[in-house]
């Protein structure tokens, strides 16, 4: 527990040392990528991303109404499809 907690608490400094940019910028960049995929759709017909969505109970055994990170194909215009059988 001690090692993991310390690693989580100091991850920002480690990212700054490794990349030369802040962890805040890294997180903001990830959010921008996520929103771009969701709005404009995937760059290719084979690109799958991970996205937290509310389960309808029909995929991967995740109960209905649970927010879960599924493999997603972004169709554009905020539409997506959960990719089954991975």
C-alpha atoms as a PDB file:
ATOM      1  CA  UNK A   1       0.000   0.000   0.000  1.00  0.00           C
ATOM      2  CA  UNK A   2       2.748   2.455   0.839  1.00  0.00           C
ATOM      3  CA  UNK A   3       4.578   2.135  -2.501  1.00  0.00           C
ATOM      4  CA  UNK A   4       1.401   2.485  -4.592  1.00  0.00           C
ATOM      5  CA  UNK A   5       0.083   5.479  -2.656  1.00  0.00           C
ATOM      6  CA  UNK A   6       3.444   7.246  -2.937  1.00  0.00           C
ATOM      7  CA  UNK A   7       3.587   6.558  -6.700  1.00  0.00           C
ATOM      8  CA  UNK A   8       0.103   8.006  -7.220  1.00  0.00           C
ATOM      9  CA  UNK A   9       0.931  11.088  -5.158  1.00  0.00           C
ATOM     10  CA  UNK A  10       4.132  11.819  -7.113  1.00  0.00           C
ATOM     11  CA  UNK A  11       3.001  10.901 -10.657  1.00  0.00           C
ATOM     12  CA  UNK A  12       2.794  14.546 -11.722  1.00  0.00           C
ATOM     13  CA  UNK A  13       6.474  15.137 -10.915  1.00  0.00           C
ATOM     14  CA  UNK A  14       7.455  11.948 -12.732  1.00  0.00           C
ATOM     15  CA  UNK A  15       5.565  12.982 -15.882  1.00  0.00           C
ATOM     16  CA  UNK A  16       7.140  16.435 -15.757  1.00  0.00           C
ATOM     17  CA  UNK A  17      10.642  14.924 -15.473  1.00  0.00           C
ATOM     18  CA  UNK A  18      10.065  12.337 -18.214  1.00  0.00           C
ATOM     19  CA  UNK A  19       8.203  14.473 -20.772  1.00  0.00           C
ATOM     20  CA  UNK A  20       9.205  17.993 -19.879  1.00  0.00           C
ATOM     21  CA  UNK A  21       5.546  18.999 -19.656  1.00  0.00           C
ATOM     22  CA  UNK A  22       3.037  18.933 -16.823  1.00  0.00           C
ATOM     23  CA  UNK A  23       0.638  16.104 -16.084  1.00  0.00           C
ATOM     24  CA  UNK A  24      -2.148  18.710 -16.343  1.00  0.00           C
ATOM     25  CA  UNK A  25      -1.300  19.265 -20.006  1.00  0.00           C
ATOM     26  CA  UNK A  26      -1.238  15.502 -20.570  1.00  0.00           C
ATOM     27  CA  UNK A  27      -4.700  15.147 -19.036  1.00  0.00           C
ATOM     28  CA  UNK A  28      -6.053  18.098 -21.029  1.00  0.00           C
ATOM     29  CA  UNK A  29      -4.665  16.603 -24.242  1.00  0.00           C
ATOM     30  CA  UNK A  30      -6.380  13.289 -23.474  1.00  0.00           C
ATOM     31  CA  UNK A  31      -9.699  15.091 -22.923  1.00  0.00           C
ATOM     32  CA  UNK A  32      -9.313  16.968 -26.221  1.00  0.00           C
ATOM     33  CA  UNK A  33      -8.567  13.711 -28.099  1.00  0.00           C
ATOM     34  CA  UNK A  34     -11.572  12.049 -26.490  1.00  0.00           C
ATOM     35  CA  UNK A  35     -13.965  14.865 -27.410  1.00  0.00           C
ATOM     36  CA  UNK A  36     -12.587  15.084 -30.974  1.00  0.00           C
ATOM     37  CA  UNK A  37     -13.180  11.343 -31.506  1.00  0.00           C
ATOM     38  CA  UNK A  38     -16.656  11.550 -30.010  1.00  0.00           C
ATOM     39  CA  UNK A  39     -17.696  14.554 -32.110  1.00  0.00           C
ATOM     40  CA  UNK A  40     -15.922  13.966 -35.434  1.00  0.00           C
ATOM     41  CA  UNK A  41     -15.712  10.164 -35.338  1.00  0.00           C
ATOM     42  CA  UNK A  42     -12.774   7.827 -35.649  1.00  0.00           C
ATOM     43  CA  UNK A  43      -9.864   8.605 -37.930  1.00  0.00           C
ATOM     44  CA  UNK A  44     -10.275   5.212 -39.593  1.00  0.00           C
ATOM     45  CA  UNK A  45     -12.935   2.530 -39.746  1.00  0.00           C
ATOM     46  CA  UNK A  46     -10.739   0.276 -37.588  1.00  0.00           C
ATOM     47  CA  UNK A  47      -9.863   2.708 -34.774  1.00  0.00           C
ATOM     48  CA  UNK A  48     -11.207   1.597 -31.405  1.00  0.00           C
ATOM     49  CA  UNK A  49     -10.939   3.763 -28.302  1.00  0.00           C
ATOM     50  CA  UNK A  50     -11.792   3.206 -24.650  1.00  0.00           C
ATOM     51  CA  UNK A  51     -14.723   5.274 -23.408  1.00  0.00           C
ATOM     52  CA  UNK A  52     -16.647   5.266 -20.159  1.00  0.00           C
ATOM     53  CA  UNK A  53     -20.349   4.915 -20.965  1.00  0.00           C
ATOM     54  CA  UNK A  54     -23.469   3.775 -19.119  1.00  0.00           C
ATOM     55  CA  UNK A  55     -24.061   0.081 -19.723  1.00  0.00           C
ATOM     56  CA  UNK A  56     -27.340  -1.109 -21.196  1.00  0.00           C
ATOM     57  CA  UNK A  57     -26.655  -4.566 -19.770  1.00  0.00           C
ATOM     58  CA  UNK A  58     -25.972  -6.189 -23.155  1.00  0.00           C
ATOM     59  CA  UNK A  59     -22.159  -6.062 -23.388  1.00  0.00           C
ATOM     60  CA  UNK A  60     -19.367  -7.975 -21.632  1.00  0.00           C
ATOM     61  CA  UNK A  61     -21.592  -8.990 -18.717  1.00  0.00           C
ATOM     62  CA  UNK A  62     -21.626  -5.470 -17.253  1.00  0.00           C
ATOM     63  CA  UNK A  63     -24.922  -4.847 -15.429  1.00  0.00           C
ATOM     64  CA  UNK A  64     -27.328  -2.190 -16.701  1.00  0.00           C
ATOM     65  CA  UNK A  65     -26.822   1.417 -15.518  1.00  0.00           C
ATOM     66  CA  UNK A  66     -23.166   0.932 -14.516  1.00  0.00           C
ATOM     67  CA  UNK A  67     -20.616   3.366 -15.969  1.00  0.00           C
ATOM     68  CA  UNK A  68     -17.880   1.200 -17.506  1.00  0.00           C
ATOM     69  CA  UNK A  69     -14.982   1.699 -19.887  1.00  0.00           C
ATOM     70  CA  UNK A  70     -15.901  -0.212 -23.040  1.00  0.00           C
ATOM     71  CA  UNK A  71     -14.081  -0.585 -26.352  1.00  0.00           C
ATOM     72  CA  UNK A  72     -15.845   1.956 -28.560  1.00  0.00           C
ATOM     73  CA  UNK A  73     -16.022   2.846 -32.223  1.00  0.00           C
ATOM     74  CA  UNK A  74     -16.830   6.567 -32.528  1.00  0.00           C
ATOM     75  CA  UNK A  75     -19.283   7.215 -35.369  1.00  0.00           C
ATOM     76  CA  UNK A  76     -19.252  11.020 -35.147  1.00  0.00           C
ATOM     77  CA  UNK A  77     -21.869  13.544 -34.056  1.00  0.00           C
ATOM     78  CA  UNK A  78     -21.602  12.145 -30.476  1.00  0.00           C
ATOM     79  CA  UNK A  79     -22.709   8.667 -31.610  1.00  0.00           C
ATOM     80  CA  UNK A  80     -20.758   5.534 -30.733  1.00  0.00           C
ATOM     81  CA  UNK A  81     -20.997   1.768 -30.916  1.00  0.00           C
ATOM     82  CA  UNK A  82     -19.678  -0.646 -28.322  1.00  0.00           C
ATOM     83  CA  UNK A  83     -17.328  -3.149 -29.966  1.00  0.00           C
ATOM     84  CA  UNK A  84     -18.193  -6.702 -28.913  1.00  0.00           C
ATOM     85  CA  UNK A  85     -16.139  -9.895 -28.852  1.00  0.00           C
ATOM     86  CA  UNK A  86     -12.680  -8.466 -28.200  1.00  0.00           C
END
